[in-house]
């Protein structure tokens, strides 16, 4: 994107990204989810060890059922926390393998936490047949339930959030009902709409801003940039400048509007609306 880029291009954010708060929340949730899954798998290992030591041959059915229920509780808790993390910081649908693994990891872990133990219960030749039937049946039901809960049936994606954020921002600008403003995209959409309105007021209705181009040909700056009203302002002189809508500026991490609106109006030749 160069300084000569037409302003008439679609007002679309090319790269939705989680805010710092969303990323931090997702990281915490994933840590807790992994800990819960480790406890679930640890319970499975304990059950297998006890099974091999013949602890359930002539009894201890309540202990075995308790182990299976404990595995289910921690497996499901981990899956729910992992799903919540994915809502804060989803994967890209275009990265098919990562998208599948990240969104279905809860189901995968639940199978790992249950399947070996349940299979060994049914294969145990020394366990009382009645206890085997009860424990194996309960284990199978819990395994299916934990796996189904771990499945993400309609997982979020960066692409979906990008579309929702653009729609939400457009609805805010047009004073329409904000049907697309989910909590995950609303804050950023409101920022875009607010800054677009400020720019329009300062530039006699335009939605075109200018910012320093990301270095080394990068598509997005690794640190927040300021966007300005035109490329003739003092901070941009002698710099490689990109041009686009406020939404496009946000896509390149130019998310801070200039604090020198009045000064830049004069430098850019815009008449103050005040």
Protein backbone atom coordinates (compact mmCIF):
# COMPACT_ATOMS: atom_id res chain seq x y z
CA UNK A 1 0.00 0.00 0.00
CA UNK A 2 1.63 3.25 -1.13
CA UNK A 3 0.84 6.93 -0.72
CA UNK A 4 -0.93 6.87 -4.09
CA UNK A 5 -3.36 4.15 -3.10
CA UNK A 6 -6.93 5.10 -4.07
CA UNK A 7 -9.14 5.98 -1.13
CA UNK A 8 -12.09 4.23 -2.78
CA UNK A 9 -10.91 0.72 -1.89
CA UNK A 10 -13.09 -1.37 0.40
CA UNK A 11 -13.07 -0.31 4.03
CA UNK A 12 -12.03 -3.69 5.36
CA UNK A 13 -9.67 -4.58 8.17
CA UNK A 14 -7.35 -7.21 6.73
CA UNK A 15 -6.13 -8.61 10.01
CA UNK A 16 -8.20 -8.73 13.19
CA UNK A 17 -6.01 -9.32 16.20
CA UNK A 18 -6.76 -9.88 19.85
CA UNK A 19 -6.23 -6.89 22.10
CA UNK A 20 -3.67 -7.14 24.87
CA UNK A 21 -6.46 -7.83 27.36
CA UNK A 22 -7.97 -10.55 25.17
CA UNK A 23 -4.59 -12.19 24.59
CA UNK A 24 -3.80 -12.15 28.32
CA UNK A 25 -7.18 -13.64 29.20
CA UNK A 26 -6.73 -16.36 26.57
CA UNK A 27 -3.26 -17.21 27.88
CA UNK A 28 -4.52 -17.57 31.47
CA UNK A 29 -7.44 -19.74 30.40
CA UNK A 30 -5.19 -22.01 28.34
CA UNK A 31 -2.78 -22.46 31.23
CA UNK A 32 -5.65 -23.46 33.54
CA UNK A 33 -7.08 -25.74 30.83
CA UNK A 34 -3.77 -27.55 30.41
CA UNK A 35 -3.47 -27.99 34.18
CA UNK A 36 -6.99 -29.45 34.31
CA UNK A 37 -6.17 -31.83 31.46
CA UNK A 38 -2.95 -32.92 33.16
CA UNK A 39 -4.92 -33.77 36.29
CA UNK A 40 -7.42 -35.74 34.19
CA UNK A 41 -4.65 -37.71 32.49
CA UNK A 42 -2.95 -38.18 35.87
CA UNK A 43 -6.20 -39.70 37.15
CA UNK A 44 -6.23 -42.03 34.18
CA UNK A 45 -2.64 -43.12 34.85
CA UNK A 46 -3.51 -43.76 38.51
CA UNK A 47 -6.51 -45.85 37.44
CA UNK A 48 -4.39 -47.90 35.04
CA UNK A 49 -1.73 -48.52 37.71
CA UNK A 50 -4.36 -49.65 40.22
CA UNK A 51 -5.96 -51.82 37.54
CA UNK A 52 -2.66 -53.56 36.79
CA UNK A 53 -2.12 -54.08 40.52
CA UNK A 54 -5.45 -55.95 40.71
CA UNK A 55 -7.03 -53.39 43.06
CA UNK A 56 -10.43 -53.78 41.41
CA UNK A 57 -10.58 -57.55 40.98
CA UNK A 58 -12.75 -58.23 44.02
CA UNK A 59 -14.13 -54.79 44.86
CA UNK A 60 -13.21 -51.12 45.16
CA UNK A 61 -15.84 -50.30 42.56
CA UNK A 62 -16.66 -46.92 44.21
CA UNK A 63 -12.98 -45.96 43.93
CA UNK A 64 -12.87 -46.82 40.23
CA UNK A 65 -16.09 -44.94 39.55
CA UNK A 66 -14.72 -41.98 41.52
CA UNK A 67 -11.60 -41.98 39.38
CA UNK A 68 -13.69 -42.01 36.20
CA UNK A 69 -15.90 -39.17 37.44
CA UNK A 70 -12.84 -37.16 38.47
CA UNK A 71 -11.32 -37.61 35.02
CA UNK A 72 -14.57 -36.40 33.45
CA UNK A 73 -14.78 -33.33 35.69
CA UNK A 74 -11.26 -32.14 34.93
CA UNK A 75 -11.43 -33.06 31.23
CA UNK A 76 -14.67 -31.11 30.78
CA UNK A 77 -13.41 -28.17 32.86
CA UNK A 78 -10.30 -28.00 30.69
CA UNK A 79 -12.38 -28.11 27.50
CA UNK A 80 -14.67 -25.31 28.64
CA UNK A 81 -11.72 -23.09 29.59
CA UNK A 82 -10.00 -23.88 26.28
CA UNK A 83 -13.15 -22.95 24.34
CA UNK A 84 -13.39 -19.68 26.28
CA UNK A 85 -9.75 -18.94 25.42
CA UNK A 86 -10.47 -19.54 21.73
CA UNK A 87 -13.27 -16.96 21.86
CA UNK A 88 -10.76 -14.38 23.11
CA UNK A 89 -7.99 -15.36 20.67
CA UNK A 90 -9.18 -17.62 17.82
CA UNK A 91 -7.16 -19.33 15.12
CA UNK A 92 -7.29 -18.55 11.41
CA UNK A 93 -9.62 -20.71 9.36
CA UNK A 94 -7.14 -20.48 6.48
CA UNK A 95 -4.59 -22.43 8.57
CA UNK A 96 -6.63 -25.61 8.40
CA UNK A 97 -4.53 -27.97 10.53
CA UNK A 98 -3.93 -25.46 13.31
CA UNK A 99 -7.57 -24.37 13.18
CA UNK A 100 -8.77 -27.96 13.59
CA UNK A 101 -6.36 -28.88 16.39
CA UNK A 102 -6.85 -25.66 18.35
CA UNK A 103 -10.63 -25.92 18.25
CA UNK A 104 -10.99 -29.67 18.76
CA UNK A 105 -8.21 -30.14 21.30
CA UNK A 106 -10.72 -30.57 24.12
CA UNK A 107 -12.31 -33.55 22.38
CA UNK A 108 -8.90 -35.03 21.56
CA UNK A 109 -7.66 -34.73 25.14
CA UNK A 110 -10.90 -36.19 26.49
CA UNK A 111 -10.44 -39.28 24.33
CA UNK A 112 -6.84 -39.61 25.47
CA UNK A 113 -7.89 -39.25 29.11
CA UNK A 114 -10.56 -41.96 28.90
CA UNK A 115 -10.02 -44.42 26.08
CA UNK A 116 -7.02 -46.44 27.39
CA UNK A 117 -8.54 -46.87 30.86
CA UNK A 118 -12.00 -47.81 29.57
CA UNK A 119 -10.54 -50.32 27.12
CA UNK A 120 -8.42 -51.89 29.87
CA UNK A 121 -11.46 -52.16 32.14
CA UNK A 122 -13.37 -54.13 29.50
CA UNK A 123 -10.31 -56.29 28.75
CA UNK A 124 -9.56 -57.11 32.39
CA UNK A 125 -10.19 -60.88 32.81
CA UNK A 126 -9.85 -60.87 36.58
CA UNK A 127 -12.37 -58.18 37.48
CA UNK A 128 -15.78 -59.22 38.67
CA UNK A 129 -17.99 -59.29 35.52
CA UNK A 130 -20.72 -57.24 37.15
CA UNK A 131 -18.28 -54.58 38.34
CA UNK A 132 -16.60 -54.60 34.94
CA UNK A 133 -19.94 -53.97 33.23
CA UNK A 134 -20.87 -51.16 35.62
CA UNK A 135 -17.46 -49.42 35.57
CA UNK A 136 -16.97 -49.89 31.84
CA UNK A 137 -20.45 -48.59 31.05
CA UNK A 138 -20.03 -45.54 33.26
CA UNK A 139 -16.59 -44.90 31.80
CA UNK A 140 -17.89 -45.15 28.24
CA UNK A 141 -20.78 -42.77 28.93
CA UNK A 142 -18.49 -40.25 30.63
CA UNK A 143 -15.98 -40.53 27.77
CA UNK A 144 -18.66 -39.81 25.17
CA UNK A 145 -20.05 -36.91 27.21
CA UNK A 146 -16.62 -35.33 27.81
CA UNK A 147 -15.67 -35.74 24.15
CA UNK A 148 -18.89 -34.20 22.84
CA UNK A 149 -18.55 -31.28 25.26
CA UNK A 150 -14.96 -30.83 24.08
CA UNK A 151 -16.01 -30.51 20.43
CA UNK A 152 -16.26 -26.96 19.08
CA UNK A 153 -19.28 -27.16 16.80
CA UNK A 154 -19.10 -23.60 15.47
CA UNK A 155 -15.60 -22.38 16.31
CA UNK A 156 -14.67 -18.70 16.01
CA UNK A 157 -11.98 -17.59 13.60
CA UNK A 158 -9.91 -14.51 12.83
CA UNK A 159 -11.74 -14.23 9.53
CA UNK A 160 -15.14 -14.26 11.23
CA UNK A 161 -14.07 -11.65 13.78
CA UNK A 162 -12.66 -9.46 11.02
CA UNK A 163 -15.96 -9.53 9.15
CA UNK A 164 -17.95 -8.94 12.34
CA UNK A 165 -15.76 -6.03 13.39
CA UNK A 166 -16.11 -4.31 10.03
CA UNK A 167 -19.88 -4.81 10.07
CA UNK A 168 -20.10 -3.61 13.65
CA UNK A 169 -18.09 -0.47 12.89
CA UNK A 170 -20.25 0.26 9.86
CA UNK A 171 -23.41 -0.16 11.93
CA UNK A 172 -22.11 2.20 14.59
CA UNK A 173 -21.17 4.81 11.98
CA UNK A 174 -24.61 4.57 10.37
CA UNK A 175 -26.45 4.64 13.74
CA UNK A 176 -27.99 1.27 12.90
CA UNK A 177 -28.78 -1.57 15.35
CA UNK A 178 -25.45 -3.17 16.25
CA UNK A 179 -26.35 -6.78 15.47
CA UNK A 180 -22.75 -7.75 14.67
CA UNK A 181 -21.15 -6.23 17.76
CA UNK A 182 -20.24 -9.28 19.81
CA UNK A 183 -18.15 -8.62 22.95
CA UNK A 184 -15.05 -9.95 21.19
CA UNK A 185 -15.15 -7.30 18.43
CA UNK A 186 -17.25 -4.47 19.86
CA UNK A 187 -14.48 -2.53 21.62
CA UNK A 188 -12.26 -2.37 18.55
CA UNK A 189 -15.20 -1.59 16.28
CA UNK A 190 -16.23 1.27 18.57
CA UNK A 191 -12.68 2.65 18.45
CA UNK A 192 -12.70 2.52 14.65
CA UNK A 193 -16.11 4.19 14.44
CA UNK A 194 -15.13 6.90 16.94
CA UNK A 195 -11.86 7.71 15.16
CA UNK A 196 -13.57 7.62 11.75
CA UNK A 197 -16.08 10.17 13.00
CA UNK A 198 -13.32 12.39 14.39
CA UNK A 199 -11.40 12.23 11.12
CA UNK A 200 -14.52 12.99 9.10
CA UNK A 201 -15.26 16.05 11.22
CA UNK A 202 -11.68 17.28 10.86
CA UNK A 203 -11.40 16.67 7.10
CA UNK A 204 -14.81 17.83 5.86
CA UNK A 205 -16.27 14.34 5.60
CA UNK A 206 -13.32 12.27 4.40
CA UNK A 207 -12.25 8.90 5.76
CA UNK A 208 -8.65 8.95 4.61
CA UNK A 209 -5.67 8.97 6.98
CA UNK A 210 -1.91 8.61 6.69
CA UNK A 211 0.63 6.74 8.80
CA UNK A 212 4.25 5.61 8.68
CA UNK A 213 4.56 2.41 6.67
CA UNK A 214 5.66 -0.69 8.62
CA UNK A 215 9.37 -1.33 8.19
CA UNK A 216 11.09 -3.97 6.06
CA UNK A 217 8.03 -4.53 3.89
CA UNK A 218 5.95 -5.85 6.78
CA UNK A 219 2.17 -5.76 6.45
CA UNK A 220 1.66 -4.74 10.06
CA UNK A 221 3.76 -2.76 12.51
CA UNK A 222 4.89 -4.59 15.63
CA UNK A 223 4.19 -1.48 17.72
CA UNK A 224 1.23 0.94 17.70
CA UNK A 225 1.49 3.81 15.20
CA UNK A 226 -0.20 7.21 15.00
CA UNK A 227 -2.28 8.11 11.96
CA UNK A 228 -2.61 11.66 10.63
CA UNK A 229 -4.91 13.80 8.49
CA UNK A 230 -2.60 14.12 5.47
CA UNK A 231 0.95 13.23 4.40
CA UNK A 232 2.15 16.85 4.62
CA UNK A 233 2.12 17.01 8.42
CA UNK A 234 5.41 17.45 10.26
CA UNK A 235 5.69 13.93 11.76
CA UNK A 236 5.43 12.29 8.32
CA UNK A 237 7.89 14.44 6.37
CA UNK A 238 10.70 12.37 4.92
CA UNK A 239 8.96 9.11 5.87
CA UNK A 240 7.51 6.30 3.79
CA UNK A 241 3.78 6.81 4.22
CA UNK A 242 0.77 4.57 3.78
CA UNK A 243 -2.70 5.89 3.03
CA UNK A 244 -6.14 4.42 3.63
CA UNK A 245 -9.28 4.51 5.71
CA UNK A 246 -9.22 4.48 9.49
CA UNK A 247 -10.15 0.81 9.34
CA UNK A 248 -7.20 0.07 7.08
CA UNK A 249 -4.92 2.02 9.40
CA UNK A 250 -6.05 -0.17 12.29
CA UNK A 251 -5.22 -3.28 10.26
CA UNK A 252 -1.57 -2.16 10.17
CA UNK A 253 -1.55 -1.35 13.90
CA UNK A 254 -1.90 2.40 13.32
CA UNK A 255 -4.46 2.67 16.10
CA UNK A 256 -3.68 6.04 17.67
CA UNK A 257 -5.23 9.15 16.19
CA UNK A 258 -3.07 12.26 16.19
CA UNK A 259 -3.49 14.53 19.21
CA UNK A 260 -2.74 17.60 17.07
CA UNK A 261 -6.02 17.79 15.16
CA UNK A 262 -6.18 21.59 14.97
CA UNK A 263 -2.52 21.95 13.95
CA UNK A 264 -2.83 19.26 11.26
CA UNK A 265 -6.01 20.84 9.88
CA UNK A 266 -3.97 23.94 9.19
CA UNK A 267 -1.05 22.04 7.68
CA UNK A 268 -3.38 19.96 5.50
CA UNK A 269 -5.57 22.86 4.38
CA UNK A 270 -8.80 21.71 6.03
CA UNK A 271 -11.22 24.26 7.38
CA UNK A 272 -12.01 23.78 11.04
CA UNK A 273 -15.64 22.87 11.67
CA UNK A 274 -15.58 24.82 14.95
